[in-house]
N, C-alpha and C. Protein backbone atom coordinates (compact mmCIF):
# COMPACT_ATOMS: atom_id res chain seq x y z
N MET A 1 21.67 -3.96 -11.78
CA MET A 1 21.09 -4.54 -12.98
C MET A 1 19.63 -4.93 -12.73
N ILE A 2 18.80 -4.70 -13.71
CA ILE A 2 17.37 -5.00 -13.59
C ILE A 2 17.15 -6.45 -13.98
N GLU A 3 16.50 -7.19 -13.08
CA GLU A 3 16.18 -8.60 -13.37
C GLU A 3 14.85 -8.65 -14.12
N ILE A 4 14.83 -9.40 -15.21
CA ILE A 4 13.61 -9.59 -15.99
C ILE A 4 13.43 -11.08 -16.22
N ARG A 5 12.19 -11.55 -16.02
CA ARG A 5 11.88 -12.95 -16.27
C ARG A 5 10.47 -13.05 -16.84
N PRO A 6 10.13 -14.23 -17.40
CA PRO A 6 8.77 -14.40 -17.91
C PRO A 6 7.72 -14.25 -16.81
N LEU A 7 6.60 -13.65 -17.17
CA LEU A 7 5.47 -13.48 -16.27
C LEU A 7 4.74 -14.82 -16.15
N VAL A 8 4.38 -15.20 -14.93
CA VAL A 8 3.62 -16.43 -14.70
C VAL A 8 2.36 -16.09 -13.91
N GLN A 9 1.42 -17.01 -13.88
CA GLN A 9 0.13 -16.76 -13.24
C GLN A 9 0.28 -16.34 -11.78
N ASP A 10 1.22 -16.92 -11.07
CA ASP A 10 1.41 -16.56 -9.66
C ASP A 10 1.81 -15.10 -9.47
N ASP A 11 2.27 -14.45 -10.52
CA ASP A 11 2.63 -13.03 -10.46
C ASP A 11 1.41 -12.12 -10.49
N TYR A 12 0.25 -12.68 -10.82
CA TYR A 12 -0.88 -11.82 -11.14
C TYR A 12 -1.33 -10.89 -10.02
N PRO A 13 -1.31 -11.29 -8.75
CA PRO A 13 -1.68 -10.30 -7.72
C PRO A 13 -0.81 -9.03 -7.78
N ALA A 14 0.48 -9.18 -7.98
CA ALA A 14 1.36 -8.01 -8.08
C ALA A 14 1.11 -7.25 -9.38
N ILE A 15 0.87 -7.98 -10.47
CA ILE A 15 0.54 -7.35 -11.76
C ILE A 15 -0.72 -6.50 -11.61
N LYS A 16 -1.73 -7.10 -10.99
CA LYS A 16 -3.01 -6.43 -10.79
C LYS A 16 -2.83 -5.17 -9.94
N ASN A 17 -2.02 -5.25 -8.91
CA ASN A 17 -1.76 -4.09 -8.06
C ASN A 17 -1.13 -2.95 -8.86
N ILE A 18 -0.16 -3.27 -9.69
CA ILE A 18 0.49 -2.24 -10.51
C ILE A 18 -0.50 -1.68 -11.54
N TYR A 19 -1.31 -2.56 -12.11
CA TYR A 19 -2.32 -2.10 -13.07
C TYR A 19 -3.31 -1.16 -12.40
N ASP A 20 -3.71 -1.49 -11.17
CA ASP A 20 -4.63 -0.63 -10.42
C ASP A 20 -4.02 0.76 -10.18
N MET A 21 -2.70 0.84 -10.02
CA MET A 21 -2.04 2.14 -9.89
C MET A 21 -2.20 2.94 -11.18
N GLY A 22 -2.09 2.26 -12.31
CA GLY A 22 -2.28 2.92 -13.60
C GLY A 22 -3.70 3.42 -13.78
N ILE A 23 -4.66 2.63 -13.32
CA ILE A 23 -6.06 3.05 -13.39
C ILE A 23 -6.26 4.30 -12.53
N ALA A 24 -5.72 4.28 -11.32
CA ALA A 24 -5.88 5.41 -10.40
C ALA A 24 -5.22 6.68 -10.94
N ALA A 25 -4.13 6.54 -11.68
CA ALA A 25 -3.43 7.71 -12.22
C ALA A 25 -4.28 8.45 -13.25
N GLY A 26 -5.15 7.72 -13.95
CA GLY A 26 -6.04 8.35 -14.92
C GLY A 26 -5.42 8.69 -16.26
N ASN A 27 -4.13 8.36 -16.46
CA ASN A 27 -3.50 8.67 -17.75
C ASN A 27 -2.73 7.48 -18.32
N ALA A 28 -3.14 6.28 -17.90
CA ALA A 28 -2.46 5.08 -18.39
C ALA A 28 -3.40 4.12 -19.10
N THR A 29 -4.67 4.13 -18.75
CA THR A 29 -5.64 3.21 -19.35
C THR A 29 -7.03 3.82 -19.24
N PHE A 30 -7.92 3.35 -20.10
CA PHE A 30 -9.31 3.76 -20.00
C PHE A 30 -10.13 2.78 -19.17
N GLU A 31 -9.53 1.69 -18.79
CA GLU A 31 -10.22 0.72 -17.95
C GLU A 31 -10.48 1.34 -16.58
N THR A 32 -11.54 0.88 -15.94
CA THR A 32 -11.86 1.38 -14.60
C THR A 32 -11.65 0.32 -13.54
N GLN A 33 -11.37 -0.91 -13.97
CA GLN A 33 -10.99 -1.96 -13.04
C GLN A 33 -10.13 -2.98 -13.77
N SER A 34 -9.22 -3.58 -13.04
CA SER A 34 -8.32 -4.54 -13.66
C SER A 34 -9.05 -5.86 -13.89
N PRO A 35 -8.68 -6.57 -14.95
CA PRO A 35 -9.37 -7.82 -15.28
C PRO A 35 -8.94 -8.97 -14.37
N GLU A 36 -9.74 -9.99 -14.35
CA GLU A 36 -9.35 -11.23 -13.66
C GLU A 36 -8.28 -11.92 -14.51
N TRP A 37 -7.55 -12.83 -13.90
CA TRP A 37 -6.46 -13.52 -14.58
C TRP A 37 -6.90 -14.15 -15.89
N GLU A 38 -8.06 -14.81 -15.91
CA GLU A 38 -8.50 -15.53 -17.10
C GLU A 38 -8.64 -14.60 -18.31
N ILE A 39 -9.13 -13.41 -18.09
CA ILE A 39 -9.28 -12.44 -19.18
C ILE A 39 -7.90 -11.92 -19.60
N PHE A 40 -7.07 -11.60 -18.63
CA PHE A 40 -5.71 -11.15 -18.90
C PHE A 40 -4.96 -12.21 -19.71
N ASP A 41 -5.06 -13.44 -19.29
CA ASP A 41 -4.35 -14.56 -19.92
C ASP A 41 -4.77 -14.75 -21.38
N LYS A 42 -6.05 -14.59 -21.67
CA LYS A 42 -6.54 -14.75 -23.04
C LYS A 42 -6.15 -13.59 -23.95
N LYS A 43 -6.00 -12.41 -23.38
CA LYS A 43 -5.76 -11.20 -24.17
C LYS A 43 -4.33 -11.07 -24.67
N PHE A 44 -3.37 -11.50 -23.86
CA PHE A 44 -1.97 -11.22 -24.17
C PHE A 44 -1.21 -12.45 -24.64
N LEU A 45 -0.26 -12.23 -25.55
CA LEU A 45 0.51 -13.31 -26.16
C LEU A 45 1.37 -14.02 -25.12
N PRO A 46 1.26 -15.33 -25.01
CA PRO A 46 1.99 -16.05 -23.96
C PRO A 46 3.51 -15.98 -24.08
N HIS A 47 4.02 -15.80 -25.29
CA HIS A 47 5.47 -15.78 -25.48
C HIS A 47 6.10 -14.42 -25.20
N SER A 48 5.28 -13.42 -24.95
CA SER A 48 5.82 -12.06 -24.78
C SER A 48 5.21 -11.38 -23.55
N ARG A 49 5.44 -11.99 -22.40
CA ARG A 49 4.97 -11.46 -21.12
C ARG A 49 6.15 -11.50 -20.15
N PHE A 50 6.50 -10.33 -19.62
CA PHE A 50 7.67 -10.27 -18.74
C PHE A 50 7.40 -9.38 -17.53
N VAL A 51 8.08 -9.71 -16.44
CA VAL A 51 8.07 -8.87 -15.24
C VAL A 51 9.50 -8.46 -14.92
N SER A 52 9.62 -7.31 -14.29
CA SER A 52 10.91 -6.88 -13.75
C SER A 52 10.85 -7.04 -12.24
N LEU A 53 12.01 -7.31 -11.66
CA LEU A 53 12.06 -7.55 -10.22
C LEU A 53 13.22 -6.81 -9.58
N GLU A 54 12.99 -6.44 -8.33
CA GLU A 54 14.06 -5.93 -7.47
C GLU A 54 13.90 -6.63 -6.13
N GLU A 55 14.89 -7.41 -5.75
CA GLU A 55 14.86 -8.18 -4.50
C GLU A 55 13.55 -8.98 -4.39
N ASN A 56 13.21 -9.70 -5.43
CA ASN A 56 12.03 -10.56 -5.51
C ASN A 56 10.70 -9.81 -5.46
N THR A 57 10.73 -8.50 -5.61
CA THR A 57 9.51 -7.70 -5.68
C THR A 57 9.28 -7.31 -7.13
N ILE A 58 8.08 -7.58 -7.64
CA ILE A 58 7.75 -7.21 -9.02
C ILE A 58 7.62 -5.69 -9.09
N THR A 59 8.41 -5.10 -9.99
CA THR A 59 8.46 -3.65 -10.11
C THR A 59 7.78 -3.13 -11.38
N GLY A 60 7.50 -4.03 -12.32
CA GLY A 60 6.87 -3.63 -13.57
C GLY A 60 6.55 -4.84 -14.42
N TRP A 61 5.80 -4.60 -15.48
CA TRP A 61 5.46 -5.70 -16.39
C TRP A 61 5.19 -5.15 -17.79
N VAL A 62 5.40 -6.03 -18.76
CA VAL A 62 5.15 -5.69 -20.16
C VAL A 62 4.55 -6.91 -20.85
N VAL A 63 3.60 -6.68 -21.73
CA VAL A 63 2.95 -7.75 -22.49
C VAL A 63 2.67 -7.25 -23.91
N LEU A 64 2.46 -8.19 -24.80
CA LEU A 64 2.07 -7.87 -26.18
C LEU A 64 0.74 -8.52 -26.50
N SER A 65 0.00 -7.89 -27.40
CA SER A 65 -1.23 -8.47 -27.93
C SER A 65 -1.25 -8.24 -29.43
N ASN A 66 -1.92 -9.12 -30.15
CA ASN A 66 -2.10 -8.92 -31.58
C ASN A 66 -3.08 -7.77 -31.80
N VAL A 67 -2.87 -6.99 -32.84
CA VAL A 67 -3.79 -5.88 -33.11
C VAL A 67 -4.98 -6.31 -33.96
N SER A 68 -4.85 -7.43 -34.64
CA SER A 68 -5.92 -7.88 -35.53
C SER A 68 -5.78 -9.38 -35.77
N PRO A 69 -6.91 -10.07 -35.96
CA PRO A 69 -6.83 -11.50 -36.32
C PRO A 69 -6.56 -11.72 -37.81
N ARG A 70 -6.58 -10.65 -38.60
CA ARG A 70 -6.38 -10.78 -40.04
C ARG A 70 -4.94 -11.21 -40.35
N GLU A 71 -4.79 -12.09 -41.31
CA GLU A 71 -3.49 -12.64 -41.70
C GLU A 71 -2.50 -11.56 -42.11
N CYS A 72 -2.98 -10.55 -42.80
CA CYS A 72 -2.07 -9.50 -43.29
C CYS A 72 -1.44 -8.68 -42.16
N TYR A 73 -2.03 -8.73 -40.98
CA TYR A 73 -1.50 -7.98 -39.83
C TYR A 73 -0.84 -8.89 -38.79
N LYS A 74 -0.50 -10.11 -39.19
CA LYS A 74 0.04 -11.07 -38.21
C LYS A 74 1.36 -10.62 -37.59
N GLY A 75 2.04 -9.69 -38.20
CA GLY A 75 3.31 -9.20 -37.67
C GLY A 75 3.20 -7.86 -36.96
N VAL A 76 1.98 -7.49 -36.58
CA VAL A 76 1.76 -6.22 -35.90
C VAL A 76 1.19 -6.50 -34.51
N CYS A 77 1.85 -5.95 -33.50
CA CYS A 77 1.40 -6.17 -32.12
C CYS A 77 1.31 -4.84 -31.39
N GLU A 78 0.64 -4.87 -30.25
CA GLU A 78 0.54 -3.70 -29.39
C GLU A 78 1.19 -4.01 -28.05
N LEU A 79 1.97 -3.07 -27.59
CA LEU A 79 2.69 -3.19 -26.32
C LEU A 79 1.86 -2.58 -25.20
N THR A 80 1.84 -3.25 -24.05
CA THR A 80 1.25 -2.71 -22.83
C THR A 80 2.32 -2.77 -21.75
N LEU A 81 2.57 -1.65 -21.09
CA LEU A 81 3.66 -1.54 -20.12
C LEU A 81 3.18 -0.79 -18.89
N TYR A 82 3.52 -1.32 -17.72
CA TYR A 82 3.24 -0.63 -16.46
C TYR A 82 4.42 -0.80 -15.52
N VAL A 83 4.75 0.27 -14.80
CA VAL A 83 5.82 0.24 -13.80
C VAL A 83 5.22 0.71 -12.47
N HIS A 84 5.56 0.01 -11.41
CA HIS A 84 5.10 0.35 -10.06
C HIS A 84 5.48 1.80 -9.74
N ASP A 85 4.57 2.52 -9.11
CA ASP A 85 4.80 3.94 -8.80
C ASP A 85 6.10 4.17 -8.03
N ASP A 86 6.46 3.25 -7.14
CA ASP A 86 7.66 3.42 -6.32
C ASP A 86 8.96 3.14 -7.07
N PHE A 87 8.86 2.67 -8.31
CA PHE A 87 10.06 2.27 -9.05
C PHE A 87 10.21 2.99 -10.39
N LYS A 88 9.45 4.05 -10.59
CA LYS A 88 9.54 4.78 -11.85
C LYS A 88 10.84 5.57 -11.94
N TYR A 89 11.27 5.84 -13.16
CA TYR A 89 12.47 6.62 -13.47
C TYR A 89 13.76 5.94 -13.01
N LYS A 90 13.75 4.60 -13.05
CA LYS A 90 14.94 3.83 -12.69
C LYS A 90 15.41 2.94 -13.85
N GLY A 91 14.85 3.17 -15.04
CA GLY A 91 15.26 2.38 -16.20
C GLY A 91 14.48 1.09 -16.40
N ILE A 92 13.49 0.84 -15.55
CA ILE A 92 12.72 -0.41 -15.62
C ILE A 92 11.89 -0.46 -16.89
N GLY A 93 11.17 0.60 -17.19
CA GLY A 93 10.35 0.62 -18.40
C GLY A 93 11.18 0.40 -19.65
N LYS A 94 12.31 1.06 -19.73
CA LYS A 94 13.20 0.91 -20.89
C LYS A 94 13.70 -0.53 -21.01
N ALA A 95 14.09 -1.12 -19.90
CA ALA A 95 14.59 -2.50 -19.93
C ALA A 95 13.49 -3.47 -20.36
N LEU A 96 12.28 -3.28 -19.88
CA LEU A 96 11.16 -4.15 -20.27
C LEU A 96 10.83 -4.00 -21.75
N ILE A 97 10.81 -2.77 -22.24
CA ILE A 97 10.52 -2.55 -23.66
C ILE A 97 11.60 -3.19 -24.52
N GLU A 98 12.86 -2.99 -24.17
CA GLU A 98 13.95 -3.58 -24.94
C GLU A 98 13.85 -5.10 -24.97
N LYS A 99 13.48 -5.71 -23.85
CA LYS A 99 13.33 -7.16 -23.79
C LYS A 99 12.21 -7.63 -24.71
N VAL A 100 11.07 -6.97 -24.67
CA VAL A 100 9.93 -7.42 -25.46
C VAL A 100 10.13 -7.14 -26.95
N ILE A 101 10.92 -6.13 -27.30
CA ILE A 101 11.24 -5.89 -28.71
C ILE A 101 12.02 -7.08 -29.27
N VAL A 102 13.03 -7.52 -28.55
CA VAL A 102 13.83 -8.68 -28.99
C VAL A 102 12.95 -9.91 -29.14
N THR A 103 12.11 -10.16 -28.15
CA THR A 103 11.22 -11.33 -28.19
C THR A 103 10.23 -11.23 -29.33
N SER A 104 9.68 -10.05 -29.57
CA SER A 104 8.70 -9.89 -30.65
C SER A 104 9.33 -10.23 -32.00
N GLU A 105 10.56 -9.80 -32.20
CA GLU A 105 11.23 -10.08 -33.48
C GLU A 105 11.50 -11.58 -33.63
N LYS A 106 11.80 -12.26 -32.55
CA LYS A 106 12.00 -13.72 -32.61
C LYS A 106 10.72 -14.43 -33.03
N HIS A 107 9.57 -13.78 -32.78
CA HIS A 107 8.28 -14.37 -33.14
C HIS A 107 7.70 -13.77 -34.41
N GLY A 108 8.51 -13.01 -35.16
CA GLY A 108 8.10 -12.55 -36.48
C GLY A 108 7.33 -11.26 -36.55
N TYR A 109 7.35 -10.47 -35.48
CA TYR A 109 6.62 -9.20 -35.50
C TYR A 109 7.48 -8.11 -36.13
N TRP A 110 6.92 -7.38 -37.08
CA TRP A 110 7.65 -6.32 -37.76
C TRP A 110 7.23 -4.92 -37.31
N SER A 111 6.12 -4.82 -36.62
CA SER A 111 5.65 -3.51 -36.17
C SER A 111 5.05 -3.64 -34.77
N MET A 112 5.51 -2.79 -33.87
CA MET A 112 4.99 -2.76 -32.51
C MET A 112 4.37 -1.39 -32.28
N LEU A 113 3.12 -1.40 -31.85
CA LEU A 113 2.40 -0.15 -31.58
C LEU A 113 2.28 0.08 -30.08
N ALA A 114 2.24 1.33 -29.71
CA ALA A 114 1.93 1.73 -28.34
C ALA A 114 0.89 2.84 -28.44
N VAL A 115 -0.21 2.67 -27.73
CA VAL A 115 -1.27 3.67 -27.71
C VAL A 115 -1.21 4.32 -26.33
N ILE A 116 -0.91 5.61 -26.30
CA ILE A 116 -0.58 6.30 -25.05
C ILE A 116 -1.46 7.53 -24.90
N HIS A 117 -1.95 7.76 -23.68
CA HIS A 117 -2.69 8.99 -23.41
C HIS A 117 -1.80 10.19 -23.73
N ASN A 118 -2.35 11.17 -24.40
CA ASN A 118 -1.53 12.33 -24.77
C ASN A 118 -1.12 13.16 -23.56
N ASP A 119 -1.77 12.94 -22.42
CA ASP A 119 -1.37 13.65 -21.20
C ASP A 119 -0.45 12.80 -20.32
N ASN A 120 0.30 11.91 -20.97
CA ASN A 120 1.30 11.10 -20.27
C ASN A 120 2.67 11.30 -20.95
N PRO A 121 3.24 12.50 -20.80
CA PRO A 121 4.50 12.80 -21.50
C PRO A 121 5.65 11.89 -21.11
N ALA A 122 5.67 11.39 -19.89
CA ALA A 122 6.76 10.50 -19.47
C ALA A 122 6.75 9.22 -20.30
N SER A 123 5.57 8.66 -20.54
CA SER A 123 5.47 7.44 -21.34
C SER A 123 5.84 7.72 -22.79
N ILE A 124 5.38 8.83 -23.32
CA ILE A 124 5.73 9.19 -24.70
C ILE A 124 7.24 9.32 -24.84
N HIS A 125 7.88 10.00 -23.90
CA HIS A 125 9.33 10.18 -23.93
C HIS A 125 10.05 8.84 -23.82
N LEU A 126 9.60 7.97 -22.93
CA LEU A 126 10.20 6.65 -22.78
C LEU A 126 10.15 5.88 -24.09
N HIS A 127 9.00 5.87 -24.72
CA HIS A 127 8.87 5.14 -25.99
C HIS A 127 9.76 5.74 -27.08
N GLU A 128 9.87 7.05 -27.11
CA GLU A 128 10.79 7.69 -28.06
C GLU A 128 12.22 7.23 -27.82
N LYS A 129 12.63 7.15 -26.55
CA LYS A 129 13.99 6.69 -26.21
C LYS A 129 14.22 5.24 -26.66
N CYS A 130 13.14 4.48 -26.78
CA CYS A 130 13.24 3.08 -27.19
C CYS A 130 13.04 2.90 -28.70
N GLY A 131 13.02 3.99 -29.45
CA GLY A 131 12.96 3.90 -30.90
C GLY A 131 11.58 4.01 -31.51
N PHE A 132 10.56 4.31 -30.70
CA PHE A 132 9.22 4.51 -31.23
C PHE A 132 9.11 5.92 -31.81
N ARG A 133 8.24 6.05 -32.81
CA ARG A 133 7.96 7.37 -33.38
C ARG A 133 6.45 7.56 -33.41
N MET A 134 6.04 8.80 -33.32
CA MET A 134 4.62 9.12 -33.35
C MET A 134 4.10 8.97 -34.77
N ILE A 135 3.02 8.21 -34.94
CA ILE A 135 2.45 8.03 -36.28
C ILE A 135 1.02 8.55 -36.38
N GLY A 136 0.46 8.98 -35.27
CA GLY A 136 -0.89 9.51 -35.33
C GLY A 136 -1.49 9.71 -33.96
N TYR A 137 -2.73 10.10 -33.97
CA TYR A 137 -3.45 10.27 -32.71
C TYR A 137 -4.93 10.01 -32.95
N ARG A 138 -5.63 9.77 -31.85
CA ARG A 138 -7.08 9.60 -31.90
C ARG A 138 -7.68 10.62 -30.93
N GLU A 139 -8.25 11.64 -31.52
CA GLU A 139 -8.76 12.75 -30.73
C GLU A 139 -10.07 12.38 -30.04
N ARG A 140 -10.14 12.69 -28.76
CA ARG A 140 -11.34 12.44 -27.94
C ARG A 140 -11.90 11.04 -28.20
N ILE A 141 -11.03 10.04 -28.08
CA ILE A 141 -11.40 8.65 -28.37
C ILE A 141 -12.21 8.01 -27.24
N ALA A 142 -12.04 8.50 -26.02
CA ALA A 142 -12.74 7.89 -24.89
C ALA A 142 -13.11 8.95 -23.86
N PHE A 143 -14.18 8.67 -23.14
CA PHE A 143 -14.68 9.57 -22.10
C PHE A 143 -14.36 8.94 -20.76
N LEU A 144 -13.51 9.57 -19.97
CA LEU A 144 -13.07 9.00 -18.70
C LEU A 144 -13.16 10.06 -17.61
N ASN A 145 -13.89 9.73 -16.56
CA ASN A 145 -14.04 10.63 -15.41
C ASN A 145 -14.49 12.03 -15.82
N GLY A 146 -15.43 12.07 -16.76
CA GLY A 146 -16.01 13.34 -17.17
C GLY A 146 -15.19 14.14 -18.17
N VAL A 147 -14.13 13.53 -18.71
CA VAL A 147 -13.24 14.24 -19.62
C VAL A 147 -13.02 13.41 -20.88
N TRP A 148 -13.08 14.06 -22.04
CA TRP A 148 -12.73 13.39 -23.29
C TRP A 148 -11.22 13.26 -23.35
N LYS A 149 -10.74 12.06 -23.68
CA LYS A 149 -9.30 11.77 -23.70
C LYS A 149 -8.84 11.49 -25.12
N THR A 150 -7.64 11.94 -25.41
CA THR A 150 -6.99 11.73 -26.71
C THR A 150 -5.80 10.81 -26.51
N THR A 151 -5.56 9.94 -27.48
CA THR A 151 -4.37 9.08 -27.42
C THR A 151 -3.47 9.37 -28.61
N VAL A 152 -2.18 9.12 -28.40
CA VAL A 152 -1.22 9.16 -29.49
C VAL A 152 -0.87 7.71 -29.83
N ILE A 153 -0.58 7.49 -31.09
CA ILE A 153 -0.19 6.15 -31.54
C ILE A 153 1.28 6.24 -31.93
N MET A 154 2.07 5.37 -31.31
CA MET A 154 3.50 5.33 -31.59
C MET A 154 3.84 3.96 -32.16
N GLU A 155 4.85 3.92 -33.01
CA GLU A 155 5.24 2.67 -33.67
C GLU A 155 6.75 2.48 -33.59
N LYS A 156 7.14 1.23 -33.38
CA LYS A 156 8.54 0.82 -33.48
C LYS A 156 8.59 -0.24 -34.56
N ARG A 157 9.28 0.07 -35.66
CA ARG A 157 9.46 -0.90 -36.75
C ARG A 157 10.68 -1.74 -36.44
N SER A 158 10.58 -3.01 -36.76
CA SER A 158 11.72 -3.91 -36.58
C SER A 158 12.85 -3.52 -37.54
N ASN A 159 14.06 -3.69 -37.07
CA ASN A 159 15.23 -3.48 -37.92
C ASN A 159 15.64 -4.75 -38.65
N THR A 160 14.94 -5.87 -38.35
CA THR A 160 15.32 -7.15 -38.95
C THR A 160 14.18 -7.88 -39.64
N ILE A 161 12.94 -7.60 -39.25
CA ILE A 161 11.77 -8.29 -39.81
C ILE A 161 10.99 -7.30 -40.67
N GLY A 162 10.57 -7.74 -41.85
CA GLY A 162 9.71 -6.90 -42.69
C GLY A 162 10.40 -5.70 -43.30
N ILE A 163 11.71 -5.79 -43.51
CA ILE A 163 12.42 -4.65 -44.09
C ILE A 163 12.65 -4.86 -45.57
C-alpha cells in the first residue's frame, strides 16, 4: 500500500530533488531550476499538498494551485505532480492524483487542469486513467533547450461539485 501524507516544509529537500529530476528530463516543466521553499510555499494551496512515501523515503508529490484570482474561477485549480525516477510505474502517481481529487472537492473545486508536455505520453496516459480528458493544446508555447515545446491541457471535472 502506498503511504500518503500532507507535505510539510521539512520535506522540501526531497521535493526539490524530485523536481530537479523533472527539470533534467526536459519533458515535465519549462523551469530550469527549482524554486526556493518560500516561492514554492506561496504558489501552491496549503490544503492540497501531499507526498507519497515508501519506508520513510519520499517517492513523489502532488500540489494544487489556483488558475486565476478572479472570483468566477475560484473552483478551478491546476495540478502539479512529480514522481521520483526510481519509483515510476508503481501506482504512486495515480494514488497521489486520486488523493488530491478528493481533497480538491472538499475545498469546492469543480475543475482540475493538468498542463502536460505533449512529448510526455506516460503522464498523459496516467491522467487519462484518473479521469482527465484532453481539452486543448498550446502549440509552441515555450522555448526550452533550443526547441519549441507544445503542451496539452487536460481537465478532470468533479462528479460532485459544479454539476
